[in-house]
Amino acid sequence: MSERQATVDTKERHPDDEVNLSVETLFDVLESSHRRFVLSHLSESLPPVKIDDLAEYIATAEEGTADTDPSPEMTDEIEILLYHVHLPKMEDVGLVKYDSSAGTVEPGDAIDGTQGYLELAEL
C-alpha cells in the first residue's frame, strides 16, 4: 500500500462509538472535489438530501454559473459517480449515511470533525 492510500476500517459501527478519522483518511476523502461538495452541501442542508439534488448542486457548482442549469448529461454522470464511488467511500469512513434504495444521503457520525479541513481544502 502506498503512503498516499488510506486504510479504511469497515467494521460495523454502533451509534455510541466515537469515530476518529486519521488525517490520511480525511485527506484521501477530501482529494475529490465531488466529495468536498457533498460535505459542504450536507452542512448547509436539512437531512436527508436527495442524491439527484446533490448531483445537480455539484454540477451547477462545477459549471460555475447560477444563470443556466447544468447539462443533464453532466448531472447524470455525477449522480452515477456519487452512487458507485463517492458516497460508498464516504460511508465506509463514517462521513455520511447513504441509502441507495431511497436515494438519500445524510451526515454521518464523523462529519463534525471535518469542517476545519474542508475550509482549508477550499482555499
PDB file of N, CA and C in Angstrom:
ATOM      1  N   MET A   1       0.850  -1.171   0.000  1.00  0.00           N
ATOM      2  CA  MET A   1       0.000   0.000   0.000  1.00  0.00           C
ATOM      3  C   MET A   1       0.892   1.228   0.000  1.00  0.00           C
ATOM      4  N   SER A   2       0.605   2.161  -0.880  1.00  0.00           N
ATOM      5  CA  SER A   2       1.419   3.362  -0.949  1.00  0.00           C
ATOM      6  C   SER A   2       1.126   4.265   0.239  1.00  0.00           C
ATOM      7  N   GLU A   3       2.025   5.205   0.460  1.00  0.00           N
ATOM      8  CA  GLU A   3       1.871   6.125   1.574  1.00  0.00           C
ATOM      9  C   GLU A   3       0.618   6.982   1.426  1.00  0.00           C
ATOM     10  N   ARG A   4       0.208   7.214   0.177  1.00  0.00           N
ATOM     11  CA  ARG A   4      -0.935   8.070  -0.095  1.00  0.00           C
ATOM     12  C   ARG A   4      -2.280   7.386   0.154  1.00  0.00           C
ATOM     13  N   GLN A   5      -2.306   6.074   0.118  1.00  0.00           N
ATOM     14  CA  GLN A   5      -3.546   5.346   0.319  1.00  0.00           C
ATOM     15  C   GLN A   5      -3.873   5.269   1.810  1.00  0.00           C
ATOM     16  N   ALA A   6      -5.145   5.240   2.105  1.00  0.00           N
ATOM     17  CA  ALA A   6      -5.577   5.152   3.490  1.00  0.00           C
ATOM     18  C   ALA A   6      -6.257   3.818   3.726  1.00  0.00           C
ATOM     19  N   THR A   7      -6.018   3.241   4.862  1.00  0.00           N
ATOM     20  CA  THR A   7      -6.696   2.019   5.243  1.00  0.00           C
ATOM     21  C   THR A   7      -8.012   2.416   5.887  1.00  0.00           C
ATOM     22  N   VAL A   8      -9.089   1.774   5.476  1.00  0.00           N
ATOM     23  CA  VAL A   8     -10.405   2.095   5.985  1.00  0.00           C
ATOM     24  C   VAL A   8     -10.924   0.904   6.761  1.00  0.00           C
ATOM     25  N   ASP A   9     -11.320   1.150   7.992  1.00  0.00           N
ATOM     26  CA  ASP A   9     -11.901   0.107   8.818  1.00  0.00           C
ATOM     27  C   ASP A   9     -13.393   0.107   8.550  1.00  0.00           C
ATOM     28  N   THR A  10     -13.898  -0.956   7.945  1.00  0.00           N
ATOM     29  CA  THR A  10     -15.311  -1.003   7.584  1.00  0.00           C
ATOM     30  C   THR A  10     -16.132  -1.850   8.541  1.00  0.00           C
ATOM     31  N   LYS A  11     -15.591  -2.115   9.743  1.00  0.00           N
ATOM     32  CA  LYS A  11     -16.380  -2.883  10.707  1.00  0.00           C
ATOM     33  C   LYS A  11     -17.649  -2.117  11.061  1.00  0.00           C
ATOM     34  N   GLU A  12     -18.634  -2.826  11.487  1.00  0.00           N
ATOM     35  CA  GLU A  12     -19.904  -2.204  11.813  1.00  0.00           C
ATOM     36  C   GLU A  12     -19.735  -1.230  12.974  1.00  0.00           C
ATOM     37  N   ARG A  13     -20.293  -0.047  12.801  1.00  0.00           N
ATOM     38  CA  ARG A  13     -20.214   0.972  13.851  1.00  0.00           C
ATOM     39  C   ARG A  13     -21.493   0.965  14.661  1.00  0.00           C
ATOM     40  N   HIS A  14     -21.353   1.293  15.926  1.00  0.00           N
ATOM     41  CA  HIS A  14     -22.502   1.433  16.806  1.00  0.00           C
ATOM     42  C   HIS A  14     -22.695   2.907  17.089  1.00  0.00           C
ATOM     43  N   PRO A  15     -23.928   3.366  17.305  1.00  0.00           N
ATOM     44  CA  PRO A  15     -24.188   4.793  17.486  1.00  0.00           C
ATOM     45  C   PRO A  15     -23.372   5.440  18.602  1.00  0.00           C
ATOM     46  N   ASP A  16     -23.030   4.701  19.642  1.00  0.00           N
ATOM     47  CA  ASP A  16     -22.289   5.285  20.755  1.00  0.00           C
ATOM     48  C   ASP A  16     -20.785   5.305  20.527  1.00  0.00           C
ATOM     49  N   ASP A  17     -20.314   4.660  19.450  1.00  0.00           N
ATOM     50  CA  ASP A  17     -18.882   4.633  19.166  1.00  0.00           C
ATOM     51  C   ASP A  17     -18.412   6.009  18.716  1.00  0.00           C
ATOM     52  N   GLU A  18     -17.281   6.464  19.272  1.00  0.00           N
ATOM     53  CA  GLU A  18     -16.677   7.697  18.803  1.00  0.00           C
ATOM     54  C   GLU A  18     -15.925   7.378  17.520  1.00  0.00           C
ATOM     55  N   VAL A  19     -16.086   8.222  16.517  1.00  0.00           N
ATOM     56  CA  VAL A  19     -15.445   7.984  15.236  1.00  0.00           C
ATOM     57  C   VAL A  19     -14.291   8.963  15.096  1.00  0.00           C
ATOM     58  N   ASN A  20     -13.086   8.441  14.960  1.00  0.00           N
ATOM     59  CA  ASN A  20     -11.909   9.262  14.743  1.00  0.00           C
ATOM     60  C   ASN A  20     -11.298   8.873  13.411  1.00  0.00           C
ATOM     61  N   LEU A  21     -11.185   9.849  12.532  1.00  0.00           N
ATOM     62  CA  LEU A  21     -10.578   9.603  11.235  1.00  0.00           C
ATOM     63  C   LEU A  21      -9.116  10.004  11.287  1.00  0.00           C
ATOM     64  N   SER A  22      -8.271   9.220  10.665  1.00  0.00           N
ATOM     65  CA  SER A  22      -6.877   9.622  10.556  1.00  0.00           C
ATOM     66  C   SER A  22      -6.791  10.774   9.559  1.00  0.00           C
ATOM     67  N   VAL A  23      -5.763  11.564   9.686  1.00  0.00           N
ATOM     68  CA  VAL A  23      -5.551  12.676   8.762  1.00  0.00           C
ATOM     69  C   VAL A  23      -5.406  12.140   7.339  1.00  0.00           C
ATOM     70  N   GLU A  24      -4.733  10.998   7.178  1.00  0.00           N
ATOM     71  CA  GLU A  24      -4.552  10.412   5.857  1.00  0.00           C
ATOM     72  C   GLU A  24      -5.892  10.033   5.226  1.00  0.00           C
ATOM     73  N   THR A  25      -6.775   9.450   6.031  1.00  0.00           N
ATOM     74  CA  THR A  25      -8.095   9.064   5.528  1.00  0.00           C
ATOM     75  C   THR A  25      -8.893  10.296   5.135  1.00  0.00           C
ATOM     76  N   LEU A  26      -8.861  11.302   5.988  1.00  0.00           N
ATOM     77  CA  LEU A  26      -9.608  12.520   5.702  1.00  0.00           C
ATOM     78  C   LEU A  26      -9.075  13.205   4.442  1.00  0.00           C
ATOM     79  N   PHE A  27      -7.761  13.294   4.296  1.00  0.00           N
ATOM     80  CA  PHE A  27      -7.183  13.897   3.098  1.00  0.00           C
ATOM     81  C   PHE A  27      -7.530  13.079   1.855  1.00  0.00           C
ATOM     82  N   ASP A  28      -7.576  11.772   1.987  1.00  0.00           N
ATOM     83  CA  ASP A  28      -7.959  10.912   0.870  1.00  0.00           C
ATOM     84  C   ASP A  28      -9.389  11.227   0.426  1.00  0.00           C
ATOM     85  N   VAL A  29     -10.273  11.423   1.373  1.00  0.00           N
ATOM     86  CA  VAL A  29     -11.666  11.753   1.056  1.00  0.00           C
ATOM     87  C   VAL A  29     -11.748  13.152   0.443  1.00  0.00           C
ATOM     88  N   LEU A  30     -11.037  14.109   1.024  1.00  0.00           N
ATOM     89  CA  LEU A  30     -11.121  15.496   0.563  1.00  0.00           C
ATOM     90  C   LEU A  30     -10.392  15.733  -0.761  1.00  0.00           C
ATOM     91  N   GLU A  31      -9.677  14.735  -1.236  1.00  0.00           N
ATOM     92  CA  GLU A  31      -8.968  14.848  -2.504  1.00  0.00           C
ATOM     93  C   GLU A  31      -9.928  15.120  -3.668  1.00  0.00           C
ATOM     94  N   SER A  32     -11.127  14.600  -3.583  1.00  0.00           N
ATOM     95  CA  SER A  32     -12.109  14.747  -4.660  1.00  0.00           C
ATOM     96  C   SER A  32     -12.990  15.972  -4.441  1.00  0.00           C
ATOM     97  N   SER A  33     -13.103  16.804  -5.467  1.00  0.00           N
ATOM     98  CA  SER A  33     -13.980  17.971  -5.361  1.00  0.00           C
ATOM     99  C   SER A  33     -15.435  17.544  -5.169  1.00  0.00           C
ATOM    100  N   HIS A  34     -15.837  16.431  -5.773  1.00  0.00           N
ATOM    101  CA  HIS A  34     -17.217  15.968  -5.589  1.00  0.00           C
ATOM    102  C   HIS A  34     -17.487  15.661  -4.123  1.00  0.00           C
ATOM    103  N   ARG A  35     -16.545  15.003  -3.458  1.00  0.00           N
ATOM    104  CA  ARG A  35     -16.751  14.667  -2.045  1.00  0.00           C
ATOM    105  C   ARG A  35     -16.719  15.924  -1.176  1.00  0.00           C
ATOM    106  N   ARG A  36     -15.888  16.913  -1.538  1.00  0.00           N
ATOM    107  CA  ARG A  36     -15.887  18.175  -0.796  1.00  0.00           C
ATOM    108  C   ARG A  36     -17.228  18.880  -0.953  1.00  0.00           C
ATOM    109  N   PHE A  37     -17.782  18.871  -2.172  1.00  0.00           N
ATOM    110  CA  PHE A  37     -19.099  19.469  -2.393  1.00  0.00           C
ATOM    111  C   PHE A  37     -20.176  18.751  -1.579  1.00  0.00           C
ATOM    112  N   VAL A  38     -20.098  17.433  -1.492  1.00  0.00           N
ATOM    113  CA  VAL A  38     -21.070  16.667  -0.697  1.00  0.00           C
ATOM    114  C   VAL A  38     -21.017  17.129   0.757  1.00  0.00           C
ATOM    115  N   LEU A  39     -19.825  17.181   1.332  1.00  0.00           N
ATOM    116  CA  LEU A  39     -19.684  17.591   2.732  1.00  0.00           C
ATOM    117  C   LEU A  39     -20.174  19.017   2.941  1.00  0.00           C
ATOM    118  N   SER A  40     -19.838  19.900   2.034  1.00  0.00           N
ATOM    119  CA  SER A  40     -20.263  21.292   2.127  1.00  0.00           C
ATOM    120  C   SER A  40     -21.786  21.400   2.059  1.00  0.00           C
ATOM    121  N   HIS A  41     -22.380  20.710   1.102  1.00  0.00           N
ATOM    122  CA  HIS A  41     -23.834  20.772   0.936  1.00  0.00           C
ATOM    123  C   HIS A  41     -24.564  20.176   2.141  1.00  0.00           C
ATOM    124  N   LEU A  42     -24.032  19.083   2.680  1.00  0.00           N
ATOM    125  CA  LEU A  42     -24.677  18.471   3.849  1.00  0.00           C
ATOM    126  C   LEU A  42     -24.628  19.393   5.055  1.00  0.00           C
ATOM    127  N   SER A  43     -23.598  20.217   5.153  1.00  0.00           N
ATOM    128  CA  SER A  43     -23.510  21.137   6.296  1.00  0.00           C
ATOM    129  C   SER A  43     -24.468  22.318   6.153  1.00  0.00           C
ATOM    130  N   GLU A  44     -24.972  22.548   4.935  1.00  0.00           N
ATOM    131  CA  GLU A  44     -25.873  23.673   4.675  1.00  0.00           C
ATOM    132  C   GLU A  44     -27.331  23.264   4.507  1.00  0.00           C
ATOM    133  N   SER A  45     -27.626  21.977   4.459  1.00  0.00           N
ATOM    134  CA  SER A  45     -28.973  21.494   4.147  1.00  0.00           C
ATOM    135  C   SER A  45     -29.554  20.690   5.301  1.00  0.00           C
ATOM    136  N   LEU A  46     -30.866  20.603   5.290  1.00  0.00           N
ATOM    137  CA  LEU A  46     -31.537  19.744   6.250  1.00  0.00           C
ATOM    138  C   LEU A  46     -31.551  18.322   5.705  1.00  0.00           C
ATOM    139  N   PRO A  47     -31.065  17.368   6.504  1.00  0.00           N
ATOM    140  CA  PRO A  47     -31.039  15.977   6.023  1.00  0.00           C
ATOM    141  C   PRO A  47     -32.426  15.356   6.080  1.00  0.00           C
ATOM    142  N   PRO A  48     -32.650  14.319   5.316  1.00  0.00           N
ATOM    143  CA  PRO A  48     -31.769  13.742   4.297  1.00  0.00           C
ATOM    144  C   PRO A  48     -31.839  14.534   3.005  1.00  0.00           C
ATOM    145  N   VAL A  49     -30.771  14.455   2.230  1.00  0.00           N
ATOM    146  CA  VAL A  49     -30.666  15.140   0.947  1.00  0.00           C
ATOM    147  C   VAL A  49     -30.829  14.101  -0.157  1.00  0.00           C
ATOM    148  N   LYS A  50     -31.642  14.420  -1.148  1.00  0.00           N
ATOM    149  CA  LYS A  50     -31.807  13.506  -2.289  1.00  0.00           C
ATOM    150  C   LYS A  50     -30.531  13.532  -3.129  1.00  0.00           C
ATOM    151  N   ILE A  51     -30.098  12.355  -3.555  1.00  0.00           N
ATOM    152  CA  ILE A  51     -28.852  12.240  -4.295  1.00  0.00           C
ATOM    153  C   ILE A  51     -28.954  12.944  -5.646  1.00  0.00           C
ATOM    154  N   ASP A  52     -30.120  12.936  -6.284  1.00  0.00           N
ATOM    155  CA  ASP A  52     -30.230  13.647  -7.560  1.00  0.00           C
ATOM    156  C   ASP A  52     -30.136  15.156  -7.365  1.00  0.00           C
ATOM    157  N   ASP A  53     -30.642  15.677  -6.237  1.00  0.00           N
ATOM    158  CA  ASP A  53     -30.478  17.100  -5.920  1.00  0.00           C
ATOM    159  C   ASP A  53     -29.010  17.424  -5.652  1.00  0.00           C
ATOM    160  N   LEU A  54     -28.336  16.521  -4.978  1.00  0.00           N
ATOM    161  CA  LEU A  54     -26.917  16.685  -4.690  1.00  0.00           C
ATOM    162  C   LEU A  54     -26.102  16.701  -5.982  1.00  0.00           C
ATOM    163  N   ALA A  55     -26.432  15.826  -6.923  1.00  0.00           N
ATOM    164  CA  ALA A  55     -25.737  15.789  -8.217  1.00  0.00           C
ATOM    165  C   ALA A  55     -25.946  17.098  -8.975  1.00  0.00           C
ATOM    166  N   GLU A  56     -27.156  17.630  -8.925  1.00  0.00           N
ATOM    167  CA  GLU A  56     -27.431  18.900  -9.602  1.00  0.00           C
ATOM    168  C   GLU A  56     -26.669  20.044  -8.933  1.00  0.00           C
ATOM    169  N   TYR A  57     -26.593  20.037  -7.608  1.00  0.00           N
ATOM    170  CA  TYR A  57     -25.833  21.051  -6.866  1.00  0.00           C
ATOM    171  C   TYR A  57     -24.357  21.021  -7.284  1.00  0.00           C
ATOM    172  N   ILE A  58     -23.779  19.833  -7.353  1.00  0.00           N
ATOM    173  CA  ILE A  58     -22.370  19.690  -7.725  1.00  0.00           C
ATOM    174  C   ILE A  58     -22.152  20.132  -9.172  1.00  0.00           C
ATOM    175  N   ALA A  59     -23.033  19.719 -10.071  1.00  0.00           N
ATOM    176  CA  ALA A  59     -22.899  20.093 -11.486  1.00  0.00           C
ATOM    177  C   ALA A  59     -22.984  21.608 -11.647  1.00  0.00           C
ATOM    178  N   THR A  60     -23.893  22.240 -10.933  1.00  0.00           N
ATOM    179  CA  THR A  60     -24.016  23.696 -11.001  1.00  0.00           C
ATOM    180  C   THR A  60     -22.762  24.369 -10.456  1.00  0.00           C
ATOM    181  N   ALA A  61     -22.249  23.866  -9.346  1.00  0.00           N
ATOM    182  CA  ALA A  61     -21.040  24.434  -8.751  1.00  0.00           C
ATOM    183  C   ALA A  61     -19.840  24.272  -9.678  1.00  0.00           C
ATOM    184  N   GLU A  62     -19.747  23.156 -10.362  1.00  0.00           N
ATOM    185  CA  GLU A  62     -18.614  22.907 -11.250  1.00  0.00           C
ATOM    186  C   GLU A  62     -18.695  23.710 -12.542  1.00  0.00           C
ATOM    187  N   GLU A  63     -19.893  23.964 -13.028  1.00  0.00           N
ATOM    188  CA  GLU A  63     -20.024  24.752 -14.249  1.00  0.00           C
ATOM    189  C   GLU A  63     -19.888  26.238 -13.958  1.00  0.00           C
ATOM    190  N   GLY A  64     -19.994  26.626 -12.679  1.00  0.00           N
ATOM    191  CA  GLY A  64     -19.695  27.981 -12.264  1.00  0.00           C
ATOM    192  C   GLY A  64     -20.683  29.053 -12.652  1.00  0.00           C
ATOM    193  N   THR A  65     -21.937  28.693 -12.914  1.00  0.00           N
ATOM    194  CA  THR A  65     -22.917  29.717 -13.236  1.00  0.00           C
ATOM    195  C   THR A  65     -24.261  29.383 -12.605  1.00  0.00           C
ATOM    196  N   ALA A  66     -24.895  30.397 -12.056  1.00  0.00           N
ATOM    197  CA  ALA A  66     -26.215  30.201 -11.458  1.00  0.00           C
ATOM    198  C   ALA A  66     -27.316  30.561 -12.455  1.00  0.00           C
ATOM    199  N   ASP A  67     -26.930  31.152 -13.597  1.00  0.00           N
ATOM    200  CA  ASP A  67     -27.912  31.596 -14.588  1.00  0.00           C
ATOM    201  C   ASP A  67     -28.431  30.473 -15.473  1.00  0.00           C
ATOM    202  N   THR A  68     -27.635  29.433 -15.642  1.00  0.00           N
ATOM    203  CA  THR A  68     -28.047  28.325 -16.502  1.00  0.00           C
ATOM    204  C   THR A  68     -28.001  27.019 -15.723  1.00  0.00           C
ATOM    205  N   ASP A  69     -28.874  26.137 -16.095  1.00  0.00           N
ATOM    206  CA  ASP A  69     -28.880  24.817 -15.483  1.00  0.00           C
ATOM    207  C   ASP A  69     -27.746  23.987 -16.072  1.00  0.00           C
ATOM    208  N   PRO A  70     -27.171  23.103 -15.264  1.00  0.00           N
ATOM    209  CA  PRO A  70     -26.133  22.218 -15.812  1.00  0.00           C
ATOM    210  C   PRO A  70     -26.749  21.256 -16.825  1.00  0.00           C
ATOM    211  N   SER A  71     -25.919  20.742 -17.704  1.00  0.00           N
ATOM    212  CA  SER A  71     -26.435  19.808 -18.711  1.00  0.00           C
ATOM    213  C   SER A  71     -26.908  18.530 -18.020  1.00  0.00           C
ATOM    214  N   PRO A  72     -27.973  17.931 -18.536  1.00  0.00           N
ATOM    215  CA  PRO A  72     -28.459  16.675 -17.969  1.00  0.00           C
ATOM    216  C   PRO A  72     -27.404  15.571 -18.008  1.00  0.00           C
ATOM    217  N   GLU A  73     -26.574  15.567 -19.045  1.00  0.00           N
ATOM    218  CA  GLU A  73     -25.526  14.550 -19.151  1.00  0.00           C
ATOM    219  C   GLU A  73     -24.522  14.676 -18.009  1.00  0.00           C
ATOM    220  N   MET A  74     -24.127  15.918 -17.708  1.00  0.00           N
ATOM    221  CA  MET A  74     -23.174  16.141 -16.623  1.00  0.00           C
ATOM    222  C   MET A  74     -23.789  15.748 -15.280  1.00  0.00           C
ATOM    223  N   THR A  75     -25.032  16.137 -15.064  1.00  0.00           N
ATOM    224  CA  THR A  75     -25.718  15.794 -13.819  1.00  0.00           C
ATOM    225  C   THR A  75     -25.844  14.287 -13.671  1.00  0.00           C
ATOM    226  N   ASP A  76     -26.198  13.593 -14.744  1.00  0.00           N
ATOM    227  CA  ASP A  76     -26.316  12.130 -14.704  1.00  0.00           C
ATOM    228  C   ASP A  76     -24.976  11.467 -14.399  1.00  0.00           C
ATOM    229  N   GLU A  77     -23.908  11.971 -15.024  1.00  0.00           N
ATOM    230  CA  GLU A  77     -22.578  11.410 -14.793  1.00  0.00           C
ATOM    231  C   GLU A  77     -22.159  11.576 -13.326  1.00  0.00           C
ATOM    232  N   ILE A  78     -22.428  12.741 -12.767  1.00  0.00           N
ATOM    233  CA  ILE A  78     -22.086  12.986 -11.367  1.00  0.00           C
ATOM    234  C   ILE A  78     -22.924  12.101 -10.458  1.00  0.00           C
ATOM    235  N   GLU A  79     -24.196  11.938 -10.764  1.00  0.00           N
ATOM    236  CA  GLU A  79     -25.063  11.090  -9.945  1.00  0.00           C
ATOM    237  C   GLU A  79     -24.565   9.645  -9.941  1.00  0.00           C
ATOM    238  N   ILE A  80     -24.147   9.147 -11.082  1.00  0.00           N
ATOM    239  CA  ILE A  80     -23.607   7.784 -11.161  1.00  0.00           C
ATOM    240  C   ILE A  80     -22.351   7.668 -10.304  1.00  0.00           C
ATOM    241  N   LEU A  81     -21.463   8.662 -10.402  1.00  0.00           N
ATOM    242  CA  LEU A  81     -20.246   8.647  -9.587  1.00  0.00           C
ATOM    243  C   LEU A  81     -20.571   8.716  -8.098  1.00  0.00           C
ATOM    244  N   LEU A  82     -21.576   9.488  -7.734  1.00  0.00           N
ATOM    245  CA  LEU A  82     -21.980   9.554  -6.322  1.00  0.00           C
ATOM    246  C   LEU A  82     -22.435   8.182  -5.830  1.00  0.00           C
ATOM    247  N   TYR A  83     -23.323   7.544  -6.590  1.00  0.00           N
ATOM    248  CA  TYR A  83     -23.858   6.237  -6.193  1.00  0.00           C
ATOM    249  C   TYR A  83     -22.786   5.155  -6.087  1.00  0.00           C
ATOM    250  N   HIS A  84     -21.877   5.137  -7.038  1.00  0.00           N
ATOM    251  CA  HIS A  84     -20.962   3.999  -7.145  1.00  0.00           C
ATOM    252  C   HIS A  84     -19.565   4.227  -6.583  1.00  0.00           C
ATOM    253  N   VAL A  85     -19.173   5.476  -6.402  1.00  0.00           N
ATOM    254  CA  VAL A  85     -17.808   5.752  -5.959  1.00  0.00           C
ATOM    255  C   VAL A  85     -17.783   6.591  -4.681  1.00  0.00           C
ATOM    256  N   HIS A  86     -18.254   7.817  -4.781  1.00  0.00           N
ATOM    257  CA  HIS A  86     -18.050   8.792  -3.713  1.00  0.00           C
ATOM    258  C   HIS A  86     -18.824   8.490  -2.426  1.00  0.00           C
ATOM    259  N   LEU A  87     -20.112   8.252  -2.531  1.00  0.00           N
ATOM    260  CA  LEU A  87     -20.897   8.026  -1.313  1.00  0.00           C
ATOM    261  C   LEU A  87     -20.520   6.734  -0.590  1.00  0.00           C
ATOM    262  N   PRO A  88     -20.296   5.620  -1.305  1.00  0.00           N
ATOM    263  CA  PRO A  88     -19.841   4.422  -0.582  1.00  0.00           C
ATOM    264  C   PRO A  88     -18.508   4.641   0.142  1.00  0.00           C
ATOM    265  N   LYS A  89     -17.590   5.358  -0.484  1.00  0.00           N
ATOM    266  CA  LYS A  89     -16.294   5.634   0.148  1.00  0.00           C
ATOM    267  C   LYS A  89     -16.490   6.482   1.400  1.00  0.00           C
ATOM    268  N   MET A  90     -17.339   7.479   1.309  1.00  0.00           N
ATOM    269  CA  MET A  90     -17.584   8.356   2.455  1.00  0.00           C
ATOM    270  C   MET A  90     -18.343   7.631   3.567  1.00  0.00           C
ATOM    271  N   GLU A  91     -19.221   6.724   3.184  1.00  0.00           N
ATOM    272  CA  GLU A  91     -19.953   5.944   4.177  1.00  0.00           C
ATOM    273  C   GLU A  91     -19.014   4.990   4.914  1.00  0.00           C
ATOM    274  N   ASP A  92     -18.068   4.417   4.193  1.00  0.00           N
ATOM    275  CA  ASP A  92     -17.122   3.479   4.800  1.00  0.00           C
ATOM    276  C   ASP A  92     -16.335   4.101   5.949  1.00  0.00           C
ATOM    277  N   VAL A  93     -16.091   5.395   5.876  1.00  0.00           N
ATOM    278  CA  VAL A  93     -15.319   6.058   6.933  1.00  0.00           C
ATOM    279  C   VAL A  93     -16.196   6.842   7.895  1.00  0.00           C
ATOM    280  N   GLY A  94     -17.521   6.748   7.753  1.00  0.00           N
ATOM    281  CA  GLY A  94     -18.444   7.353   8.705  1.00  0.00           C
ATOM    282  C   GLY A  94     -18.792   8.803   8.455  1.00  0.00           C
ATOM    283  N   LEU A  95     -18.466   9.342   7.272  1.00  0.00           N
ATOM    284  CA  LEU A  95     -18.770  10.744   6.990  1.00  0.00           C
ATOM    285  C   LEU A  95     -20.213  10.959   6.555  1.00  0.00           C
ATOM    286  N   VAL A  96     -20.813   9.962   5.930  1.00  0.00           N
ATOM    287  CA  VAL A  96     -22.203  10.074   5.503  1.00  0.00           C
ATOM    288  C   VAL A  96     -22.933   8.771   5.818  1.00  0.00           C
ATOM    289  N   LYS A  97     -24.249   8.886   5.854  1.00  0.00           N
ATOM    290  CA  LYS A  97     -25.132   7.724   5.893  1.00  0.00           C
ATOM    291  C   LYS A  97     -25.860   7.760   4.554  1.00  0.00           C
ATOM    292  N   TYR A  98     -25.688   6.694   3.810  1.00  0.00           N
ATOM    293  CA  TYR A  98     -26.109   6.664   2.414  1.00  0.00           C
ATOM    294  C   TYR A  98     -27.104   5.536   2.231  1.00  0.00           C
ATOM    295  N   ASP A  99     -28.283   5.853   1.710  1.00  0.00           N
ATOM    296  CA  ASP A  99     -29.316   4.860   1.438  1.00  0.00           C
ATOM    297  C   ASP A  99     -29.562   4.825  -0.069  1.00  0.00           C
ATOM    298  N   SER A 100     -28.930   3.871  -0.733  1.00  0.00           N
ATOM    299  CA  SER A 100     -29.031   3.817  -2.194  1.00  0.00           C
ATOM    300  C   SER A 100     -30.443   3.490  -2.659  1.00  0.00           C
ATOM    301  N   SER A 101     -31.174   2.697  -1.902  1.00  0.00           N
ATOM    302  CA  SER A 101     -32.527   2.344  -2.342  1.00  0.00           C
ATOM    303  C   SER A 101     -33.482   3.528  -2.218  1.00  0.00           C
ATOM    304  N   ALA A 102     -33.309   4.374  -1.208  1.00  0.00           N
ATOM    305  CA  ALA A 102     -34.148   5.558  -1.055  1.00  0.00           C
ATOM    306  C   ALA A 102     -33.597   6.737  -1.846  1.00  0.00           C
ATOM    307  N   GLY A 103     -32.319   6.649  -2.254  1.00  0.00           N
ATOM    308  CA  GLY A 103     -31.700   7.735  -2.999  1.00  0.00           C
ATOM    309  C   GLY A 103     -31.416   8.957  -2.149  1.00  0.00           C
ATOM    310  N   THR A 104     -31.036   8.714  -0.874  1.00  0.00           N
ATOM    311  CA  THR A 104     -30.783   9.829   0.035  1.00  0.00           C
ATOM    312  C   THR A 104     -29.439   9.677   0.739  1.00  0.00           C
ATOM    313  N   VAL A 105     -28.954  10.796   1.231  1.00  0.00           N
ATOM    314  CA  VAL A 105     -27.712  10.831   1.992  1.00  0.00           C
ATOM    315  C   VAL A 105     -27.881  11.850   3.113  1.00  0.00           C
ATOM    316  N   GLU A 106     -27.257  11.560   4.248  1.00  0.00           N
ATOM    317  CA  GLU A 106     -27.279  12.488   5.371  1.00  0.00           C
ATOM    318  C   GLU A 106     -25.939  12.422   6.093  1.00  0.00           C
ATOM    319  N   PRO A 107     -25.665  13.404   6.940  1.00  0.00           N
ATOM    320  CA  PRO A 107     -24.364  13.419   7.632  1.00  0.00           C
ATOM    321  C   PRO A 107     -24.162  12.168   8.476  1.00  0.00           C
ATOM    322  N   GLY A 108     -22.917  11.694   8.480  1.00  0.00           N
ATOM    323  CA  GLY A 108     -22.549  10.555   9.309  1.00  0.00           C
ATOM    324  C   GLY A 108     -21.955  11.028  10.622  1.00  0.00           C
ATOM    325  N   ASP A 109     -21.604  10.076  11.479  1.00  0.00           N
ATOM    326  CA  ASP A 109     -21.099  10.394  12.811  1.00  0.00           C
ATOM    327  C   ASP A 109     -19.761  11.122  12.791  1.00  0.00           C
ATOM    328  N   ALA A 110     -18.958  10.934  11.763  1.00  0.00           N
ATOM    329  CA  ALA A 110     -17.612  11.510  11.724  1.00  0.00           C
ATOM    330  C   ALA A 110     -17.555  12.871  11.039  1.00  0.00           C
ATOM    331  N   ILE A 111     -18.683  13.392  10.602  1.00  0.00           N
ATOM    332  CA  ILE A 111     -18.659  14.622   9.803  1.00  0.00           C
ATOM    333  C   ILE A 111     -18.300  15.860  10.630  1.00  0.00           C
ATOM    334  N   ASP A 112     -18.571  15.845  11.927  1.00  0.00           N
ATOM    335  CA  ASP A 112     -18.345  17.026  12.750  1.00  0.00           C
ATOM    336  C   ASP A 112     -16.896  17.498  12.739  1.00  0.00           C
ATOM    337  N   GLY A 113     -15.951  16.600  12.689  1.00  0.00           N
ATOM    338  CA  GLY A 113     -14.551  16.978  12.747  1.00  0.00           C
ATOM    339  C   GLY A 113     -13.943  17.388  11.423  1.00  0.00           C
ATOM    340  N   THR A 114     -14.744  17.506  10.379  1.00  0.00           N
ATOM    341  CA  THR A 114     -14.193  17.778   9.051  1.00  0.00           C
ATOM    342  C   THR A 114     -14.242  19.244   8.647  1.00  0.00           C
ATOM    343  N   GLN A 115     -14.999  20.073   9.330  1.00  0.00           N
ATOM    344  CA  GLN A 115     -15.238  21.445   8.877  1.00  0.00           C
ATOM    345  C   GLN A 115     -13.954  22.246   8.689  1.00  0.00           C
ATOM    346  N   GLY A 116     -13.040  22.193   9.647  1.00  0.00           N
ATOM    347  CA  GLY A 116     -11.791  22.929   9.524  1.00  0.00           C
ATOM    348  C   GLY A 116     -10.966  22.469   8.342  1.00  0.00           C
ATOM    349  N   TYR A 117     -10.898  21.150   8.136  1.00  0.00           N
ATOM    350  CA  TYR A 117     -10.159  20.602   6.999  1.00  0.00           C
ATOM    351  C   TYR A 117     -10.819  20.970   5.683  1.00  0.00           C
ATOM    352  N   LEU A 118     -12.152  20.969   5.681  1.00  0.00           N
ATOM    353  CA  LEU A 118     -12.896  21.316   4.470  1.00  0.00           C
ATOM    354  C   LEU A 118     -12.636  22.776   4.084  1.00  0.00           C
ATOM    355  N   GLU A 119     -12.593  23.659   5.075  1.00  0.00           N
ATOM    356  CA  GLU A 119     -12.299  25.063   4.796  1.00  0.00           C
ATOM    357  C   GLU A 119     -10.898  25.220   4.228  1.00  0.00           C
ATOM    358  N   LEU A 120      -9.940  24.473   4.746  1.00  0.00           N
ATOM    359  CA  LEU A 120      -8.572  24.516   4.214  1.00  0.00           C
ATOM    360  C   LEU A 120      -8.512  23.993   2.789  1.00  0.00           C
ATOM    361  N   ALA A 121      -9.266  22.933   2.512  1.00  0.00           N
ATOM    362  CA  ALA A 121      -9.257  22.319   1.181  1.00  0.00           C
ATOM    363  C   ALA A 121      -9.880  23.243   0.144  1.00  0.00           C
ATOM    364  N   GLU A 122     -10.782  24.124   0.567  1.00  0.00           N
ATOM    365  CA  GLU A 122     -11.460  25.013  -0.371  1.00  0.00           C
ATOM    366  C   GLU A 122     -10.644  26.243  -0.709  1.00  0.00           C
ATOM    367  N   LEU A 123      -9.522  26.473  -0.027  1.00  0.00           N
ATOM    368  CA  LEU A 123      -8.691  27.650  -0.300  1.00  0.00           C
ATOM    369  C   LEU A 123      -8.073  27.609  -1.659  1.00  0.00           C
TER     370      LEU A 123
END
